[in-house]
Protein backbone atom coordinates (compact mmCIF):
# COMPACT_ATOMS: atom_id res chain seq x y z
CA UNK A 1 0.00 0.00 0.00
CA UNK A 2 2.88 2.37 0.73
CA UNK A 3 4.26 1.78 -2.79
CA UNK A 4 0.84 2.51 -4.27
CA UNK A 5 0.60 5.79 -2.34
CA UNK A 6 4.10 6.80 -3.44
CA UNK A 7 3.32 6.14 -7.11
CA UNK A 8 0.07 8.06 -6.87
CA UNK A 9 1.76 10.99 -5.20
CA UNK A 10 4.53 11.07 -7.87
CA UNK A 11 1.99 10.97 -10.72
CA UNK A 12 -0.10 13.73 -9.16
CA UNK A 13 3.04 15.82 -8.59
CA UNK A 14 4.00 15.44 -12.27
CA UNK A 15 0.51 16.46 -13.39
CA UNK A 16 0.55 19.48 -11.09
CA UNK A 17 3.95 20.53 -12.42
CA UNK A 18 2.64 20.32 -15.98
CA UNK A 19 -0.50 22.32 -15.15
CA UNK A 20 1.42 25.05 -13.27
CA UNK A 21 4.28 25.37 -15.80
CA UNK A 22 4.46 28.90 -17.37
CA UNK A 23 3.90 29.44 -21.10
CA UNK A 24 7.12 29.31 -23.20
CA UNK A 25 7.86 29.72 -26.91
CA UNK A 26 6.65 27.20 -29.46
CA UNK A 27 9.82 25.07 -29.55
CA UNK A 28 10.18 24.90 -25.73
CA UNK A 29 6.49 24.07 -25.36
CA UNK A 30 6.72 21.16 -27.75
CA UNK A 31 9.82 19.72 -26.06
CA UNK A 32 8.32 20.10 -22.55
CA UNK A 33 5.03 18.57 -23.69
CA UNK A 34 6.86 15.58 -25.18
CA UNK A 35 8.91 15.10 -21.96
CA UNK A 36 5.81 15.38 -19.76
CA UNK A 37 3.93 12.95 -21.95
CA UNK A 38 6.76 10.39 -21.71
CA UNK A 39 6.98 10.85 -17.90
CA UNK A 40 3.24 10.46 -17.51
CA UNK A 41 3.30 7.28 -19.60
CA UNK A 42 6.13 5.83 -17.44
CA UNK A 43 4.30 6.73 -14.22
CA UNK A 44 1.09 5.18 -15.53
CA UNK A 45 2.94 1.96 -16.33
CA UNK A 46 4.47 1.86 -12.84
CA UNK A 47 1.09 2.51 -11.21
CA UNK A 48 -0.51 -0.25 -13.24
CA UNK A 49 2.26 -2.70 -12.33
CA UNK A 50 1.90 -1.86 -8.58
CA UNK A 51 -1.86 -2.24 -8.79
CA UNK A 52 -1.49 -5.62 -10.51
CA UNK A 53 0.95 -6.84 -7.86
CA UNK A 54 -1.37 -5.73 -5.06
CA UNK A 55 -4.32 -7.40 -6.72
CA UNK A 56 -2.39 -10.62 -7.06
CA UNK A 57 -1.32 -10.49 -3.39
CA UNK A 58 -4.88 -9.77 -2.23
CA UNK A 59 -6.25 -12.58 -4.36
CA UNK A 60 -3.69 -14.98 -2.88
CA UNK A 61 -4.61 -14.00 0.67
CA UNK A 62 -8.33 -14.38 -0.10
CA UNK A 63 -7.72 -17.83 -1.55
CA UNK A 64 -5.75 -18.90 1.50
CA UNK A 65 -8.45 -17.60 3.83
CA UNK A 66 -11.14 -19.38 1.83
CA UNK A 67 -9.20 -22.61 1.98
CA UNK A 68 -8.71 -22.24 5.76
CA UNK A 69 -12.40 -21.50 6.31
CA UNK A 70 -13.42 -24.45 4.22
CA UNK A 71 -11.09 -26.73 6.16
CA UNK A 72 -12.49 -25.54 9.52
CA UNK A 73 -16.05 -26.04 8.26
CA UNK A 74 -15.24 -29.58 7.20
CA UNK A 75 -13.64 -30.42 10.52
CA UNK A 76 -16.64 -29.03 12.35
CA UNK A 77 -19.03 -31.09 10.28
CA UNK A 78 -16.99 -34.20 10.98
CA UNK A 79 -16.96 -33.47 14.70
CA UNK A 80 -20.74 -32.93 14.67
CA UNK A 81 -21.22 -36.21 12.90
CA UNK A 82 -19.09 -38.24 15.45
CA UNK A 83 -21.30 -37.87 18.51
CA UNK A 84 -23.35 -35.94 20.95
CA UNK A 85 -20.56 -34.85 23.18
CA UNK A 86 -18.72 -33.24 20.44
CA UNK A 87 -21.95 -31.57 19.35
CA UNK A 88 -22.24 -30.07 22.75
CA UNK A 89 -18.78 -28.60 22.50
CA UNK A 90 -18.29 -24.95 23.36
CA UNK A 91 -20.12 -22.50 21.13
CA UNK A 92 -17.06 -20.38 20.52
CA UNK A 93 -16.10 -22.04 17.22
CA UNK A 94 -18.96 -20.67 15.09
CA UNK A 95 -18.32 -17.18 16.39
CA UNK A 96 -14.67 -17.41 15.34
CA UNK A 97 -15.68 -18.57 11.92
CA UNK A 98 -18.14 -15.74 11.56
CA UNK A 99 -15.55 -13.22 12.56
CA UNK A 100 -13.11 -14.64 10.04
CA UNK A 101 -15.76 -14.53 7.34
CA UNK A 102 -16.64 -10.97 8.28
CA UNK A 103 -13.01 -9.98 8.16
CA UNK A 104 -12.61 -11.50 4.68
CA UNK A 105 -15.73 -9.72 3.52
CA UNK A 106 -14.47 -6.42 4.92
CA UNK A 107 -11.10 -6.92 3.25
CA UNK A 108 -12.79 -7.71 -0.04
CA UNK A 109 -14.91 -4.58 0.20
CA UNK A 110 -11.86 -2.48 1.04
CA UNK A 111 -9.95 -3.94 -1.87
CA UNK A 112 -12.85 -3.37 -4.23
CA UNK A 113 -13.15 0.24 -3.04
CA UNK A 114 -9.41 0.74 -3.49
CA UNK A 115 -9.54 -0.83 -6.93
CA UNK A 116 -12.46 1.37 -7.91
CA UNK A 117 -10.67 4.48 -6.72
CA UNK A 118 -7.53 3.45 -8.57
CA UNK A 119 -9.47 2.73 -11.73
CA UNK A 120 -11.29 6.04 -11.50
CA UNK A 121 -8.00 7.87 -10.99
CA UNK A 122 -6.45 6.05 -13.93
CA UNK A 123 -9.41 6.78 -16.19
CA UNK A 124 -9.35 10.43 -15.10
CA UNK A 125 -5.65 10.70 -15.87
CA UNK A 126 -6.10 8.98 -19.21
CA UNK A 127 -9.02 11.24 -20.11
CA UNK A 128 -7.06 14.32 -19.12
CA UNK A 129 -4.07 13.18 -21.15
CA UNK A 130 -6.31 12.41 -24.12
CA UNK A 131 -8.06 15.76 -23.79
CA UNK A 132 -4.74 17.54 -23.65
CA UNK A 133 -3.46 15.75 -26.72
CA UNK A 134 -6.70 16.45 -28.57
CA UNK A 135 -6.56 20.12 -27.60
CA UNK A 136 -2.96 20.37 -28.70
CA UNK A 137 -3.76 18.66 -32.02
CA UNK A 138 -6.76 20.94 -32.50
CA UNK A 139 -4.66 23.99 -31.71
CA UNK A 140 -1.99 22.86 -34.13
CA UNK A 141 -4.54 22.27 -36.87
CA UNK A 142 -6.15 25.63 -36.23
CA UNK A 143 -2.77 27.37 -36.34
CA UNK A 144 -1.84 25.60 -39.54
CA UNK A 145 -5.20 26.46 -41.09
CA UNK A 146 -4.79 30.08 -40.04
CA UNK A 147 -1.27 30.25 -41.44
CA UNK A 148 -2.44 28.66 -44.69
CA UNK A 149 -5.30 31.09 -45.03
CA UNK A 150 -2.98 34.00 -44.32
CA UNK A 151 -0.46 32.78 -46.88
CA UNK A 152 -3.20 32.28 -49.47
CA UNK A 153 -4.56 35.72 -48.80
CA UNK A 154 -1.07 37.20 -49.10
CA UNK A 155 -0.39 35.37 -52.34
CA UNK A 156 -3.74 36.47 -53.75
CA UNK A 157 -3.04 40.07 -52.89
CA UNK A 158 0.43 39.86 -54.39
CA UNK A 159 -0.93 38.27 -57.57
CA UNK A 160 -3.62 40.90 -57.89
CA UNK A 161 -1.06 43.65 -57.40
CA UNK A 162 1.23 42.05 -59.98
CA UNK A 163 -1.60 41.65 -62.48
CA UNK A 164 -2.64 45.26 -61.98
CA UNK A 165 0.89 46.48 -62.58
CA UNK A 166 1.26 44.27 -65.64
CA UNK A 167 -2.04 45.51 -67.05
CA UNK A 168 -1.02 49.11 -66.49
CA UNK A 169 2.34 48.58 -68.16
CA UNK A 170 0.66 46.75 -71.05
CA UNK A 171 -1.82 49.58 -71.51
CA UNK A 172 0.98 52.14 -71.50
CA UNK A 173 2.95 50.16 -74.04
CA UNK A 174 -0.14 49.72 -76.22
CA UNK A 175 -0.88 53.45 -76.08
CA UNK A 176 2.68 54.26 -77.09
CA UNK A 177 2.54 51.74 -79.93
CA UNK A 178 -0.80 53.14 -81.09
CA UNK A 179 0.61 56.66 -81.09
CA UNK A 180 3.63 55.56 -83.08
CA UNK A 181 1.44 53.63 -85.50
CA UNK A 182 -0.78 56.65 -85.96
CA UNK A 183 2.25 58.81 -86.69
CA UNK A 184 3.56 56.36 -89.24
CA UNK A 185 0.12 56.03 -90.80
CA UNK A 186 -0.13 59.80 -91.15
CA UNK A 187 3.28 59.90 -92.75
CA UNK A 188 2.31 57.08 -95.08
CA UNK A 189 -0.90 58.87 -96.00
CA UNK A 190 1.03 61.99 -96.86
CA UNK A 191 3.48 60.00 -98.93
CA UNK A 192 0.61 58.21 -100.68
CA UNK A 193 -1.03 61.52 -101.52
CA UNK A 194 2.20 62.82 -102.97
CA UNK A 195 2.65 59.65 -104.99
CA UNK A 196 -0.93 59.83 -106.22
CA UNK A 197 -0.42 63.39 -107.38
CA UNK A 198 2.78 62.42 -109.18
CA UNK A 199 1.09 59.41 -110.74
CA UNK A 200 -1.82 61.52 -111.90
CA UNK A 201 0.54 64.00 -113.51
CA UNK A 202 2.52 61.26 -115.17
CA UNK A 203 -0.67 59.52 -116.29
CA UNK A 204 -1.93 62.71 -117.84
CA UNK A 205 1.35 63.22 -119.65
CA UNK A 206 1.40 59.62 -120.82
CA UNK A 207 -2.17 59.84 -121.99
CA UNK A 208 -1.40 62.93 -123.99
CA UNK A 209 1.63 61.28 -125.52
CA UNK A 210 -0.33 58.11 -126.22
CA UNK A 211 -3.04 60.04 -127.99
CA UNK A 212 -0.44 61.74 -130.11
CA UNK A 213 1.21 58.43 -130.89
CA UNK A 214 -2.13 56.76 -131.60
CA UNK A 215 -2.86 59.24 -134.30
CA UNK A 216 0.50 58.46 -135.85
CA UNK A 217 0.07 54.70 -135.36
CA UNK A 218 -3.24 54.62 -137.14
CA UNK A 219 -1.61 56.11 -140.12
CA UNK A 220 1.38 53.78 -139.81
CA UNK A 221 -0.79 50.68 -139.35
CA UNK A 222 -2.62 51.18 -142.54
CA UNK A 223 0.68 51.41 -144.36
CA UNK A 224 2.03 48.30 -142.62
CA UNK A 225 -1.06 46.24 -143.31
CA UNK A 226 -0.83 47.08 -146.94
CA UNK A 227 2.83 46.07 -147.00
CA UNK A 228 2.09 42.74 -145.22
CA UNK A 229 -0.62 41.86 -147.65
CA UNK A 230 1.74 42.41 -150.50
CA UNK A 231 4.44 40.31 -148.84
CA UNK A 232 2.07 37.41 -148.15
CA UNK A 233 0.93 37.31 -151.67
CA UNK A 234 4.51 37.20 -152.86
CA UNK A 235 5.55 34.46 -150.42
CA UNK A 236 2.52 32.37 -151.28
CA UNK A 237 3.39 32.68 -154.92
CA UNK A 238 6.99 31.69 -154.20
CA UNK A 239 6.06 28.39 -152.51
CA UNK A 240 4.93 28.99 -148.93
CA UNK A 241 3.19 25.65 -148.86
CA UNK A 242 6.33 23.80 -149.82
CA UNK A 243 8.21 25.43 -146.95
CA UNK A 244 5.73 24.22 -144.36
CA UNK A 245 5.83 20.72 -145.80
CA UNK A 246 9.61 20.64 -145.47
CA UNK A 247 9.36 21.80 -141.87
CA UNK A 248 7.01 18.95 -141.00
CA UNK A 249 9.34 16.46 -142.58
CA UNK A 250 12.17 17.80 -140.43
CA UNK A 251 10.10 17.20 -137.27
CA UNK A 252 9.61 13.59 -138.26
CA UNK A 253 13.30 13.09 -138.70
CA UNK A 254 14.08 12.23 -135.06
CA UNK A 255 17.45 10.58 -134.60
CA UNK A 256 17.09 7.80 -132.01
CA UNK A 257 20.79 7.09 -131.66
CA UNK A 258 22.34 10.55 -131.77
CA UNK A 259 21.29 11.62 -128.29
CA UNK A 260 22.27 8.26 -126.78
CA UNK A 261 25.88 8.75 -127.95
CA UNK A 262 26.13 12.06 -126.10
CA UNK A 263 27.46 11.73 -122.53
CA UNK A 264 25.31 14.62 -121.38
CA UNK A 265 22.28 12.34 -121.68
CA UNK A 266 23.75 9.34 -119.83
CA UNK A 267 20.61 8.84 -117.81
CA UNK A 268 21.56 5.35 -116.63
CA UNK A 269 24.61 6.40 -114.60
CA UNK A 270 22.80 9.52 -113.39
CA UNK A 271 19.93 7.34 -112.18
CA UNK A 272 22.38 5.11 -110.29
CA UNK A 273 23.68 8.14 -108.38
CA UNK A 274 20.24 9.78 -107.89
CA UNK A 275 17.77 6.98 -107.31
CA UNK A 276 15.17 9.04 -105.48
CA UNK A 277 14.73 11.32 -108.48
CA UNK A 278 13.39 8.40 -110.53
CA UNK A 279 10.89 7.29 -107.88
CA UNK A 280 7.92 9.43 -108.94
CA UNK A 281 5.08 7.31 -107.57
CA UNK A 282 2.45 5.02 -108.96
CA UNK A 283 1.25 5.17 -112.56
CA UNK A 284 -2.52 5.49 -113.03
CA UNK A 285 -3.74 4.25 -116.39
CA UNK A 286 -6.51 6.16 -118.16
CA UNK A 287 -8.70 3.02 -118.19
CA UNK A 288 -9.55 1.02 -115.08
CA UNK A 289 -9.06 -2.46 -116.57
CA UNK A 290 -6.05 -1.57 -118.68
CA UNK A 291 -2.81 -3.54 -118.14
CA UNK A 292 0.80 -2.93 -119.14
CA UNK A 293 1.79 -3.79 -122.73
CA UNK A 294 5.28 -3.43 -124.08
CA UNK A 295 5.09 -0.83 -126.87
CA UNK A 296 7.56 -0.42 -129.71
CA UNK A 297 8.47 2.30 -132.20
CA UNK A 298 5.80 2.96 -134.81
CA UNK A 299 2.88 2.11 -132.54
CA UNK A 300 0.00 4.61 -132.55
CA UNK A 301 -1.43 5.54 -129.14
CA UNK A 302 -4.83 6.86 -128.22
CA UNK A 303 -4.96 10.51 -127.14
CA UNK A 304 -5.77 9.64 -123.51
CA UNK A 305 -2.35 8.01 -123.10
CA UNK A 306 -0.35 11.12 -124.00
CA UNK A 307 -2.43 13.81 -122.31
CA UNK A 308 -0.71 16.72 -120.58
CA UNK A 309 -0.82 14.96 -117.17
CA UNK A 310 1.52 12.25 -118.57
CA UNK A 311 4.01 14.74 -120.07
CA UNK A 312 7.55 15.09 -118.72
CA UNK A 313 7.84 18.86 -118.72
CA UNK A 314 11.47 18.97 -117.55
CA UNK A 315 13.38 16.29 -119.52
CA UNK A 316 16.77 17.54 -118.35
CA UNK A 317 15.85 16.60 -114.76
CA UNK A 318 16.05 12.97 -115.90
CA UNK A 319 18.90 13.60 -118.38
CA UNK A 320 16.67 13.33 -121.44
CA UNK A 321 17.21 15.56 -124.51
CA UNK A 322 14.94 18.49 -125.19
CA UNK A 323 12.24 17.95 -127.84
CA UNK A 324 10.75 20.33 -130.35
CA UNK A 325 7.74 20.70 -132.59
CA UNK A 326 4.97 18.11 -132.10
CA UNK A 327 7.12 15.74 -130.01
CA UNK A 328 6.63 15.20 -126.24
CA UNK A 329 8.23 12.87 -123.73
CA UNK A 330 5.41 10.86 -122.14
CA UNK A 331 5.41 8.46 -119.17
CA UNK A 332 3.95 5.02 -119.80
CA UNK A 333 4.13 2.98 -116.55
CA UNK A 334 7.92 2.69 -115.91
CA UNK A 335 8.78 3.40 -119.59
CA UNK A 336 9.35 6.72 -121.36
CA UNK A 337 7.88 7.28 -124.83
CA UNK A 338 8.56 10.01 -127.35
CA UNK A 339 5.18 10.62 -128.99
CA UNK A 340 4.06 12.78 -131.85
CA UNK A 341 1.03 14.46 -130.27
CA UNK A 342 -0.42 15.30 -133.70
CA UNK A 343 -0.63 11.70 -134.86
CA UNK A 344 -0.06 9.61 -131.71
CA UNK A 345 2.89 7.75 -133.22
CA UNK A 346 5.60 6.42 -130.88
CA UNK A 347 8.92 7.77 -132.22
CA UNK A 348 11.34 6.61 -129.49
CA UNK A 349 11.15 4.32 -126.39
CA UNK A 350 13.24 3.91 -123.21
CA UNK A 351 12.22 0.79 -121.28
CA UNK A 352 12.43 0.47 -117.46
CA UNK A 353 13.31 4.13 -117.07
CA UNK A 354 11.67 4.75 -113.68
CA UNK A 355 12.03 2.65 -110.55
């Protein structure tokens, strides 16, 4: 019991010291609260251990007393059963037993009262400790929430101030730019007016000169037309038709081997060095069901096969010679054909030209 009272007094002294401690800064408060909490936990453990030991001792004593009382009751029953003399024994034995039983009952009641008081004290201490911890946690949360709100409010105010300043600066810059633009526009308008005046003067002068020239041209045209008519008649009489016929014959005289002997048109070696140039994509025939047929010189094509979408407009890109008159280089699948677009005749062929 003395140990129990000592532990209780130490725990109460610690609690009183915590309650009467003066307020300190935040860091000192946290350290002191942690130390007090650890001390209170240690004292609670010691109190619980002392209470357990006392309970165990009291239970042992009660068991021993019960066993002794039971033994005495058994002996008394045996003595009563043996005979009349023993039954008439002195009446002091039941009184002793009653006193012992009363003592055990009183001890039990005292122990129960002590245990109740101890339990109540423990529960009170635990509740107080829990309440303190809850209050501290609540205070911390409230402080954190307050600090967060203050920071958010400060950041909002700073952002608003920054945005206001930025807007003001932007407006000033825009006003300056507008003023400069207006100045330049005024200058441009003045320059445009000057140019318009100059152009009008020049146009008037040109118009006057053109009218003067027109009068002279009309007279000169009539003379020129008369001269042209005379010249045409003379050329027609001298064989104009024969000249055109000779020109057509020259167009048909395409030399298939001459351009192949010239190293400038060595398309095969050029294609080996520049392969991507000869990859020009898929060939789309003019008819849906049409298939490739190997064509030779002298074959006559239909007009849809040598339309302008099949022409090779830049022959030198593929190291082909330039053509003249009615001739055109035409793509036919991967082959290249030289076609007379007037008649559709194939004049020259290069097989497997494109990749």
